């Protein structure tokens, strides 16, 4: 009985020591994912405002055709930023 109690105590001690360490890793991973997700969302909002502003500017300075070209160029840039952000989020999740 004495060895069973000792083994149980060792098991509980190991669980108490390793549990917070594993939760800490998970917490850092979740925190990194949330941070990268927020950064990606912020960049999307920024890119949207810049696209709108540049398109309006080019509409008034170069007409509809220039505005359409600007919109398409900026949309491609926004899409690439979103893909980069998705890779960053995935990288954080797989750490």
PDB file of N, CA and C in Angstrom:
ATOM      1  N   UNK A   1       0.819  -1.191   0.000  1.00  0.00           N
ATOM      2  CA  UNK A   1       0.000   0.000   0.000  1.00  0.00           C
ATOM      3  C   UNK A   1       0.860   1.250   0.000  1.00  0.00           C
ATOM      4  N   UNK A   2       1.989   1.151   0.658  1.00  0.00           N
ATOM      5  CA  UNK A   2       2.873   2.301   0.750  1.00  0.00           C
ATOM      6  C   UNK A   2       3.390   2.707  -0.624  1.00  0.00           C
ATOM      7  N   UNK A   3       3.744   1.758  -1.480  1.00  0.00           N
ATOM      8  CA  UNK A   3       4.263   2.063  -2.818  1.00  0.00           C
ATOM      9  C   UNK A   3       3.168   2.615  -3.730  1.00  0.00           C
ATOM     10  N   UNK A   4       1.954   2.129  -3.547  1.00  0.00           N
ATOM     11  CA  UNK A   4       0.838   2.643  -4.339  1.00  0.00           C
ATOM     12  C   UNK A   4       0.570   4.105  -4.031  1.00  0.00           C
ATOM     13  N   UNK A   5       0.641   4.463  -2.774  1.00  0.00           N
ATOM     14  CA  UNK A   5       0.433   5.846  -2.375  1.00  0.00           C
ATOM     15  C   UNK A   5       1.558   6.729  -2.900  1.00  0.00           C
ATOM     16  N   UNK A   6       2.777   6.226  -2.836  1.00  0.00           N
ATOM     17  CA  UNK A   6       3.923   6.972  -3.341  1.00  0.00           C
ATOM     18  C   UNK A   6       3.811   7.166  -4.856  1.00  0.00           C
ATOM     19  N   UNK A   7       3.421   6.123  -5.558  1.00  0.00           N
ATOM     20  CA  UNK A   7       3.262   6.220  -7.012  1.00  0.00           C
ATOM     21  C   UNK A   7       2.160   7.220  -7.362  1.00  0.00           C
ATOM     22  N   UNK A   8       1.084   7.199  -6.605  1.00  0.00           N
ATOM     23  CA  UNK A   8      -0.004   8.146  -6.835  1.00  0.00           C
ATOM     24  C   UNK A   8       0.448   9.574  -6.595  1.00  0.00           C
ATOM     25  N   UNK A   9       1.229   9.772  -5.535  1.00  0.00           N
ATOM     26  CA  UNK A   9       1.727  11.110  -5.226  1.00  0.00           C
ATOM     27  C   UNK A   9       2.663  11.610  -6.328  1.00  0.00           C
ATOM     28  N   UNK A  10       3.516  10.721  -6.830  1.00  0.00           N
ATOM     29  CA  UNK A  10       4.422  11.104  -7.916  1.00  0.00           C
ATOM     30  C   UNK A  10       3.615  11.453  -9.167  1.00  0.00           C
ATOM     31  N   UNK A  11       2.607  10.655  -9.466  1.00  0.00           N
ATOM     32  CA  UNK A  11       1.763  10.923 -10.636  1.00  0.00           C
ATOM     33  C   UNK A  11       1.071  12.280 -10.510  1.00  0.00           C
ATOM     34  N   UNK A  12       0.518  12.565  -9.364  1.00  0.00           N
ATOM     35  CA  UNK A  12      -0.159  13.846  -9.147  1.00  0.00           C
ATOM     36  C   UNK A  12       0.835  15.003  -9.237  1.00  0.00           C
ATOM     37  N   UNK A  13       2.021  14.823  -8.666  1.00  0.00           N
ATOM     38  CA  UNK A  13       3.036  15.877  -8.733  1.00  0.00           C
ATOM     39  C   UNK A  13       3.424  16.154 -10.188  1.00  0.00           C
ATOM     40  N   UNK A  14       3.613  15.100 -10.972  1.00  0.00           N
ATOM     41  CA  UNK A  14       3.955  15.284 -12.380  1.00  0.00           C
ATOM     42  C   UNK A  14       2.828  15.982 -13.137  1.00  0.00           C
ATOM     43  N   UNK A  15       1.601  15.606 -12.831  1.00  0.00           N
ATOM     44  CA  UNK A  15       0.457  16.232 -13.494  1.00  0.00           C
ATOM     45  C   UNK A  15       0.386  17.716 -13.149  1.00  0.00           C
ATOM     46  N   UNK A  16       0.658  18.045 -11.897  1.00  0.00           N
ATOM     47  CA  UNK A  16       0.605  19.445 -11.478  1.00  0.00           C
ATOM     48  C   UNK A  16       1.747  20.257 -12.083  1.00  0.00           C
ATOM     49  N   UNK A  17       2.884  19.619 -12.281  1.00  0.00           N
ATOM     50  CA  UNK A  17       4.032  20.339 -12.844  1.00  0.00           C
ATOM     51  C   UNK A  17       3.891  20.503 -14.350  1.00  0.00           C
ATOM     52  N   UNK A  18       3.525  19.437 -15.053  1.00  0.00           N
ATOM     53  CA  UNK A  18       3.467  19.502 -16.518  1.00  0.00           C
ATOM     54  C   UNK A  18       2.180  20.128 -17.027  1.00  0.00           C
ATOM     55  N   UNK A  19       1.123  20.091 -16.276  1.00  0.00           N
ATOM     56  CA  UNK A  19      -0.148  20.670 -16.718  1.00  0.00           C
ATOM     57  C   UNK A  19      -0.049  22.140 -17.065  1.00  0.00           C
ATOM     58  N   UNK A  20       0.437  22.977 -16.157  1.00  0.00           N
ATOM     59  CA  UNK A  20       0.560  24.402 -16.489  1.00  0.00           C
ATOM     60  C   UNK A  20       1.525  24.671 -17.641  1.00  0.00           C
ATOM     61  N   UNK A  21       2.563  23.853 -17.763  1.00  0.00           N
ATOM     62  CA  UNK A  21       3.498  24.049 -18.871  1.00  0.00           C
ATOM     63  C   UNK A  21       2.804  23.802 -20.193  1.00  0.00           C
ATOM     64  N   UNK A  22       1.996  22.767 -20.263  1.00  0.00           N
ATOM     65  CA  UNK A  22       1.270  22.493 -21.496  1.00  0.00           C
ATOM     66  C   UNK A  22       0.212  23.561 -21.754  1.00  0.00           C
ATOM     67  N   UNK A  23      -0.454  24.020 -20.722  1.00  0.00           N
ATOM     68  CA  UNK A  23      -1.449  25.079 -20.894  1.00  0.00           C
ATOM     69  C   UNK A  23      -0.777  26.364 -21.332  1.00  0.00           C
ATOM     70  N   UNK A  24       0.428  26.607 -20.841  1.00  0.00           N
ATOM     71  CA  UNK A  24       1.162  27.795 -21.248  1.00  0.00           C
ATOM     72  C   UNK A  24       1.488  27.775 -22.726  1.00  0.00           C
ATOM     73  N   UNK A  25       1.912  26.622 -23.229  1.00  0.00           N
ATOM     74  CA  UNK A  25       2.193  26.496 -24.660  1.00  0.00           C
ATOM     75  C   UNK A  25       0.930  26.742 -25.471  1.00  0.00           C
ATOM     76  N   UNK A  26      -0.173  26.162 -25.026  1.00  0.00           N
ATOM     77  CA  UNK A  26      -1.440  26.360 -25.717  1.00  0.00           C
ATOM     78  C   UNK A  26      -1.844  27.827 -25.651  1.00  0.00           C
ATOM     79  N   UNK A  27      -1.672  28.430 -24.493  1.00  0.00           N
ATOM     80  CA  UNK A  27      -2.006  29.840 -24.337  1.00  0.00           C
ATOM     81  C   UNK A  27      -1.192  30.720 -25.256  1.00  0.00           C
ATOM     82  N   UNK A  28       0.097  30.414 -25.387  1.00  0.00           N
ATOM     83  CA  UNK A  28       0.942  31.195 -26.293  1.00  0.00           C
ATOM     84  C   UNK A  28       0.507  30.985 -27.739  1.00  0.00           C
ATOM     85  N   UNK A  29       0.154  29.745 -28.089  1.00  0.00           N
ATOM     86  CA  UNK A  29      -0.292  29.465 -29.452  1.00  0.00           C
ATOM     87  C   UNK A  29      -1.584  30.210 -29.754  1.00  0.00           C
ATOM     88  N   UNK A  30      -2.540  30.124 -28.831  1.00  0.00           N
ATOM     89  CA  UNK A  30      -3.815  30.808 -29.036  1.00  0.00           C
ATOM     90  C   UNK A  30      -3.589  32.312 -29.102  1.00  0.00           C
ATOM     91  N   UNK A  31      -2.766  32.820 -28.213  1.00  0.00           N
ATOM     92  CA  UNK A  31      -2.475  34.251 -28.223  1.00  0.00           C
ATOM     93  C   UNK A  31      -1.843  34.690 -29.525  1.00  0.00           C
ATOM     94  N   UNK A  32      -0.922  33.885 -30.046  1.00  0.00           N
ATOM     95  CA  UNK A  32      -0.287  34.210 -31.319  1.00  0.00           C
ATOM     96  C   UNK A  32      -1.268  34.183 -32.474  1.00  0.00           C
ATOM     97  N   UNK A  33      -2.171  33.203 -32.445  1.00  0.00           N
ATOM     98  CA  UNK A  33      -3.181  33.099 -33.505  1.00  0.00           C
ATOM     99  C   UNK A  33      -4.117  34.303 -33.451  1.00  0.00           C
ATOM    100  N   UNK A  34      -4.545  34.654 -32.261  1.00  0.00           N
ATOM    101  CA  UNK A  34      -5.437  35.808 -32.116  1.00  0.00           C
ATOM    102  C   UNK A  34      -4.731  37.078 -32.578  1.00  0.00           C
ATOM    103  N   UNK A  35      -3.479  37.233 -32.197  1.00  0.00           N
ATOM    104  CA  UNK A  35      -2.724  38.426 -32.585  1.00  0.00           C
ATOM    105  C   UNK A  35      -2.567  38.508 -34.100  1.00  0.00           C
ATOM    106  N   UNK A  36      -2.180  37.407 -34.738  1.00  0.00           N
ATOM    107  CA  UNK A  36      -2.023  37.404 -36.190  1.00  0.00           C
ATOM    108  C   UNK A  36      -3.360  37.602 -36.902  1.00  0.00           C
ATOM    109  N   UNK A  37      -4.431  37.035 -36.337  1.00  0.00           N
ATOM    110  CA  UNK A  37      -5.758  37.215 -36.935  1.00  0.00           C
ATOM    111  C   UNK A  37      -6.174  38.683 -36.876  1.00  0.00           C
ATOM    112  N   UNK A  38      -5.931  39.304 -35.735  1.00  0.00           N
ATOM    113  CA  UNK A  38      -6.275  40.726 -35.588  1.00  0.00           C
ATOM    114  C   UNK A  38      -5.438  41.575 -36.542  1.00  0.00           C
ATOM    115  N   UNK A  39      -4.165  41.235 -36.666  1.00  0.00           N
ATOM    116  CA  UNK A  39      -3.293  41.982 -37.577  1.00  0.00           C
ATOM    117  C   UNK A  39      -3.784  41.830 -39.018  1.00  0.00           C
ATOM    118  N   UNK A  40      -4.151  40.615 -39.396  1.00  0.00           N
ATOM    119  CA  UNK A  40      -4.662  40.370 -40.751  1.00  0.00           C
ATOM    120  C   UNK A  40      -5.951  41.141 -40.989  1.00  0.00           C
ATOM    121  N   UNK A  41      -6.853  41.133 -40.015  1.00  0.00           N
ATOM    122  CA  UNK A  41      -8.097  41.885 -40.139  1.00  0.00           C
ATOM    123  C   UNK A  41      -7.849  43.381 -40.239  1.00  0.00           C
ATOM    124  N   UNK A  42      -6.923  43.872 -39.444  1.00  0.00           N
ATOM    125  CA  UNK A  42      -6.574  45.291 -39.496  1.00  0.00           C
ATOM    126  C   UNK A  42      -6.006  45.689 -40.843  1.00  0.00           C
ATOM    127  N   UNK A  43      -5.160  44.824 -41.384  1.00  0.00           N
ATOM    128  CA  UNK A  43      -4.596  45.106 -42.703  1.00  0.00           C
ATOM    129  C   UNK A  43      -5.682  45.096 -43.771  1.00  0.00           C
ATOM    130  N   UNK A  44      -6.648  44.203 -43.644  1.00  0.00           N
ATOM    131  CA  UNK A  44      -7.752  44.156 -44.611  1.00  0.00           C
ATOM    132  C   UNK A  44      -8.569  45.444 -44.564  1.00  0.00           C
ATOM    133  N   UNK A  45      -8.835  45.942 -43.367  1.00  0.00           N
ATOM    134  CA  UNK A  45      -9.578  47.194 -43.223  1.00  0.00           C
ATOM    135  C   UNK A  45      -8.769  48.345 -43.820  1.00  0.00           C
ATOM    136  N   UNK A  46      -7.492  48.405 -43.488  1.00  0.00           N
ATOM    137  CA  UNK A  46      -6.618  49.447 -44.029  1.00  0.00           C
ATOM    138  C   UNK A  46      -6.596  49.385 -45.552  1.00  0.00           C
ATOM    139  N   UNK A  47      -6.395  48.185 -46.096  1.00  0.00           N
ATOM    140  CA  UNK A  47      -6.348  48.032 -47.548  1.00  0.00           C
ATOM    141  C   UNK A  47      -7.665  48.441 -48.200  1.00  0.00           C
ATOM    142  N   UNK A  48      -8.768  48.143 -47.536  1.00  0.00           N
ATOM    143  CA  UNK A  48     -10.070  48.540 -48.073  1.00  0.00           C
ATOM    144  C   UNK A  48     -10.219  50.050 -48.157  1.00  0.00           C
ATOM    145  N   UNK A  49      -9.820  50.744 -47.105  1.00  0.00           N
ATOM    146  CA  UNK A  49      -9.884  52.207 -47.127  1.00  0.00           C
ATOM    147  C   UNK A  49      -8.950  52.792 -48.189  1.00  0.00           C
ATOM    148  N   UNK A  50      -7.745  52.233 -48.277  1.00  0.00           N
ATOM    149  CA  UNK A  50      -6.809  52.731 -49.284  1.00  0.00           C
ATOM    150  C   UNK A  50      -7.325  52.476 -50.699  1.00  0.00           C
ATOM    151  N   UNK A  51      -7.897  51.317 -50.922  1.00  0.00           N
ATOM    152  CA  UNK A  51      -8.461  51.002 -52.238  1.00  0.00           C
ATOM    153  C   UNK A  51      -9.563  51.988 -52.590  1.00  0.00           C
ATOM    154  N   UNK A  52     -10.453  52.219 -51.650  1.00  0.00           N
ATOM    155  CA  UNK A  52     -11.550  53.148 -51.891  1.00  0.00           C
ATOM    156  C   UNK A  52     -11.022  54.548 -52.187  1.00  0.00           C
ATOM    157  N   UNK A  53     -10.110  55.022 -51.361  1.00  0.00           N
ATOM    158  CA  UNK A  53      -9.570  56.371 -51.540  1.00  0.00           C
ATOM    159  C   UNK A  53      -8.840  56.540 -52.856  1.00  0.00           C
ATOM    160  N   UNK A  54      -8.005  55.566 -53.197  1.00  0.00           N
ATOM    161  CA  UNK A  54      -7.263  55.655 -54.456  1.00  0.00           C
ATOM    162  C   UNK A  54      -8.194  55.585 -55.660  1.00  0.00           C
ATOM    163  N   UNK A  55      -9.227  54.751 -55.547  1.00  0.00           N
ATOM    164  CA  UNK A  55     -10.174  54.619 -56.651  1.00  0.00           C
ATOM    165  C   UNK A  55     -10.946  55.915 -56.865  1.00  0.00           C
ATOM    166  N   UNK A  56     -11.402  56.526 -55.784  1.00  0.00           N
ATOM    167  CA  UNK A  56     -12.119  57.807 -55.894  1.00  0.00           C
ATOM    168  C   UNK A  56     -11.190  58.870 -56.472  1.00  0.00           C
ATOM    169  N   UNK A  57      -9.965  58.922 -55.989  1.00  0.00           N
ATOM    170  CA  UNK A  57      -8.992  59.895 -56.513  1.00  0.00           C
ATOM    171  C   UNK A  57      -8.812  59.721 -58.017  1.00  0.00           C
ATOM    172  N   UNK A  58      -8.593  58.457 -58.432  1.00  0.00           N
ATOM    173  CA  UNK A  58      -8.357  58.213 -59.855  1.00  0.00           C
ATOM    174  C   UNK A  58      -9.606  58.418 -60.700  1.00  0.00           C
ATOM    175  N   UNK A  59     -10.767  58.229 -60.108  1.00  0.00           N
ATOM    176  CA  UNK A  59     -12.005  58.506 -60.841  1.00  0.00           C
ATOM    177  C   UNK A  59     -12.088  59.982 -61.198  1.00  0.00           C
ATOM    178  N   UNK A  60     -11.758  60.838 -60.233  1.00  0.00           N
ATOM    179  CA  UNK A  60     -11.862  62.271 -60.477  1.00  0.00           C
ATOM    180  C   UNK A  60     -10.692  62.822 -61.291  1.00  0.00           C
ATOM    181  N   UNK A  61      -9.546  62.152 -61.254  1.00  0.00           N
ATOM    182  CA  UNK A  61      -8.402  62.653 -62.019  1.00  0.00           C
ATOM    183  C   UNK A  61      -8.245  61.972 -63.375  1.00  0.00           C
ATOM    184  N   UNK A  62      -8.731  60.724 -63.506  1.00  0.00           N
ATOM    185  CA  UNK A  62      -8.513  60.012 -64.761  1.00  0.00           C
ATOM    186  C   UNK A  62      -9.746  59.377 -65.365  1.00  0.00           C
ATOM    187  N   UNK A  63     -10.868  59.473 -64.689  1.00  0.00           N
ATOM    188  CA  UNK A  63     -12.094  58.909 -65.236  1.00  0.00           C
ATOM    189  C   UNK A  63     -12.362  57.483 -64.775  1.00  0.00           C
ATOM    190  N   UNK A  64     -13.430  56.938 -65.326  1.00  0.00           N
ATOM    191  CA  UNK A  64     -13.899  55.616 -64.924  1.00  0.00           C
ATOM    192  C   UNK A  64     -12.929  54.490 -65.221  1.00  0.00           C
ATOM    193  N   UNK A  65     -12.278  54.559 -66.378  1.00  0.00           N
ATOM    194  CA  UNK A  65     -11.334  53.506 -66.751  1.00  0.00           C
ATOM    195  C   UNK A  65     -10.151  53.467 -65.776  1.00  0.00           C
ATOM    196  N   UNK A  66      -9.618  54.631 -65.417  1.00  0.00           N
ATOM    197  CA  UNK A  66      -8.503  54.703 -64.467  1.00  0.00           C
ATOM    198  C   UNK A  66      -8.930  54.198 -63.093  1.00  0.00           C
ATOM    199  N   UNK A  67     -10.156  54.532 -62.713  1.00  0.00           N
ATOM    200  CA  UNK A  67     -10.660  54.073 -61.412  1.00  0.00           C
ATOM    201  C   UNK A  67     -10.790  52.553 -61.387  1.00  0.00           C
ATOM    202  N   UNK A  68     -11.253  51.981 -62.486  1.00  0.00           N
ATOM    203  CA  UNK A  68     -11.410  50.531 -62.559  1.00  0.00           C
ATOM    204  C   UNK A  68     -10.050  49.832 -62.484  1.00  0.00           C
ATOM    205  N   UNK A  69      -9.058  50.365 -63.189  1.00  0.00           N
ATOM    206  CA  UNK A  69      -7.708  49.795 -63.134  1.00  0.00           C
ATOM    207  C   UNK A  69      -7.136  49.876 -61.723  1.00  0.00           C
ATOM    208  N   UNK A  70      -7.319  51.026 -61.089  1.00  0.00           N
ATOM    209  CA  UNK A  70      -6.834  51.200 -59.719  1.00  0.00           C
ATOM    210  C   UNK A  70      -7.522  50.227 -58.775  1.00  0.00           C
ATOM    211  N   UNK A  71      -8.826  50.072 -58.930  1.00  0.00           N
ATOM    212  CA  UNK A  71      -9.581  49.160 -58.081  1.00  0.00           C
ATOM    213  C   UNK A  71      -9.042  47.740 -58.228  1.00  0.00           C
ATOM    214  N   UNK A  72      -8.839  47.299 -59.472  1.00  0.00           N
ATOM    215  CA  UNK A  72      -8.363  45.932 -59.705  1.00  0.00           C
ATOM    216  C   UNK A  72      -6.956  45.710 -59.160  1.00  0.00           C
ATOM    217  N   UNK A  73      -6.076  46.695 -59.348  1.00  0.00           N
ATOM    218  CA  UNK A  73      -4.711  46.589 -58.809  1.00  0.00           C
ATOM    219  C   UNK A  73      -4.730  46.491 -57.286  1.00  0.00           C
ATOM    220  N   UNK A  74      -5.520  47.349 -56.664  1.00  0.00           N
ATOM    221  CA  UNK A  74      -5.586  47.352 -55.204  1.00  0.00           C
ATOM    222  C   UNK A  74      -6.280  46.104 -54.676  1.00  0.00           C
ATOM    223  N   UNK A  75      -7.261  45.602 -55.406  1.00  0.00           N
ATOM    224  CA  UNK A  75      -7.926  44.363 -54.980  1.00  0.00           C
ATOM    225  C   UNK A  75      -6.942  43.198 -55.000  1.00  0.00           C
ATOM    226  N   UNK A  76      -6.080  43.155 -56.009  1.00  0.00           N
ATOM    227  CA  UNK A  76      -5.066  42.099 -56.071  1.00  0.00           C
ATOM    228  C   UNK A  76      -4.080  42.231 -54.911  1.00  0.00           C
ATOM    229  N   UNK A  77      -3.705  43.462 -54.590  1.00  0.00           N
ATOM    230  CA  UNK A  77      -2.792  43.689 -53.462  1.00  0.00           C
ATOM    231  C   UNK A  77      -3.455  43.273 -52.147  1.00  0.00           C
ATOM    232  N   UNK A  78      -4.722  43.604 -51.983  1.00  0.00           N
ATOM    233  CA  UNK A  78      -5.454  43.225 -50.775  1.00  0.00           C
ATOM    234  C   UNK A  78      -5.542  41.713 -50.660  1.00  0.00           C
ATOM    235  N   UNK A  79      -5.798  41.055 -51.767  1.00  0.00           N
ATOM    236  CA  UNK A  79      -5.889  39.587 -51.763  1.00  0.00           C
ATOM    237  C   UNK A  79      -4.551  38.964 -51.361  1.00  0.00           C
ATOM    238  N   UNK A  80      -3.453  39.505 -51.869  1.00  0.00           N
ATOM    239  CA  UNK A  80      -2.138  38.986 -51.518  1.00  0.00           C
ATOM    240  C   UNK A  80      -1.841  39.215 -50.039  1.00  0.00           C
ATOM    241  N   UNK A  81      -2.197  40.380 -49.521  1.00  0.00           N
ATOM    242  CA  UNK A  81      -2.000  40.633 -48.087  1.00  0.00           C
ATOM    243  C   UNK A  81      -2.820  39.666 -47.252  1.00  0.00           C
ATOM    244  N   UNK A  82      -4.031  39.364 -47.696  1.00  0.00           N
ATOM    245  CA  UNK A  82      -4.878  38.417 -46.961  1.00  0.00           C
ATOM    246  C   UNK A  82      -4.268  37.017 -46.982  1.00  0.00           C
ATOM    247  N   UNK A  83      -3.718  36.630 -48.104  1.00  0.00           N
ATOM    248  CA  UNK A  83      -3.073  35.305 -48.183  1.00  0.00           C
ATOM    249  C   UNK A  83      -1.847  35.236 -47.282  1.00  0.00           C
ATOM    250  N   UNK A  84      -1.060  36.312 -47.269  1.00  0.00           N
ATOM    251  CA  UNK A  84       0.099  36.363 -46.370  1.00  0.00           C
ATOM    252  C   UNK A  84      -0.350  36.267 -44.917  1.00  0.00           C
ATOM    253  N   UNK A  85      -1.409  36.995 -44.586  1.00  0.00           N
ATOM    254  CA  UNK A  85      -1.936  36.937 -43.225  1.00  0.00           C
ATOM    255  C   UNK A  85      -2.428  35.548 -42.866  1.00  0.00           C
ATOM    256  N   UNK A  86      -3.072  34.883 -43.804  1.00  0.00           N
ATOM    257  CA  UNK A  86      -3.545  33.520 -43.547  1.00  0.00           C
ATOM    258  C   UNK A  86      -2.371  32.586 -43.297  1.00  0.00           C
ATOM    259  N   UNK A  87      -1.286  32.754 -44.057  1.00  0.00           N
ATOM    260  CA  UNK A  87      -0.094  31.927 -43.823  1.00  0.00           C
ATOM    261  C   UNK A  87       0.502  32.214 -42.441  1.00  0.00           C
ATOM    262  N   UNK A  88       0.513  33.490 -42.046  1.00  0.00           N
ATOM    263  CA  UNK A  88       1.040  33.848 -40.724  1.00  0.00           C
ATOM    264  C   UNK A  88       0.191  33.242 -39.612  1.00  0.00           C
ATOM    265  N   UNK A  89      -1.133  33.296 -39.771  1.00  0.00           N
ATOM    266  CA  UNK A  89      -2.032  32.711 -38.766  1.00  0.00           C
ATOM    267  C   UNK A  89      -1.814  31.204 -38.698  1.00  0.00           C
ATOM    268  N   UNK A  90      -1.719  30.569 -39.848  1.00  0.00           N
ATOM    269  CA  UNK A  90      -1.490  29.126 -39.871  1.00  0.00           C
ATOM    270  C   UNK A  90      -0.153  28.768 -39.241  1.00  0.00           C
ATOM    271  N   UNK A  91       0.851  29.584 -39.516  1.00  0.00           N
ATOM    272  CA  UNK A  91       2.167  29.351 -38.900  1.00  0.00           C
ATOM    273  C   UNK A  91       2.101  29.452 -37.384  1.00  0.00           C
ATOM    274  N   UNK A  92       1.366  30.413 -36.869  1.00  0.00           N
ATOM    275  CA  UNK A  92       1.204  30.541 -35.415  1.00  0.00           C
ATOM    276  C   UNK A  92       0.455  29.352 -34.838  1.00  0.00           C
ATOM    277  N   UNK A  93      -0.542  28.876 -35.560  1.00  0.00           N
ATOM    278  CA  UNK A  93      -1.338  27.753 -35.067  1.00  0.00           C
ATOM    279  C   UNK A  93      -0.530  26.464 -35.031  1.00  0.00           C
ATOM    280  N   UNK A  94       0.449  26.351 -35.901  1.00  0.00           N
ATOM    281  CA  UNK A  94       1.243  25.112 -35.979  1.00  0.00           C
ATOM    282  C   UNK A  94       2.534  25.187 -35.183  1.00  0.00           C
ATOM    283  N   UNK A  95       2.724  26.236 -34.423  1.00  0.00           N
ATOM    284  CA  UNK A  95       3.938  26.356 -33.593  1.00  0.00           C
ATOM    285  C   UNK A  95       3.910  25.408 -32.451  1.00  0.00           C
TER     286      UNK A  95
END
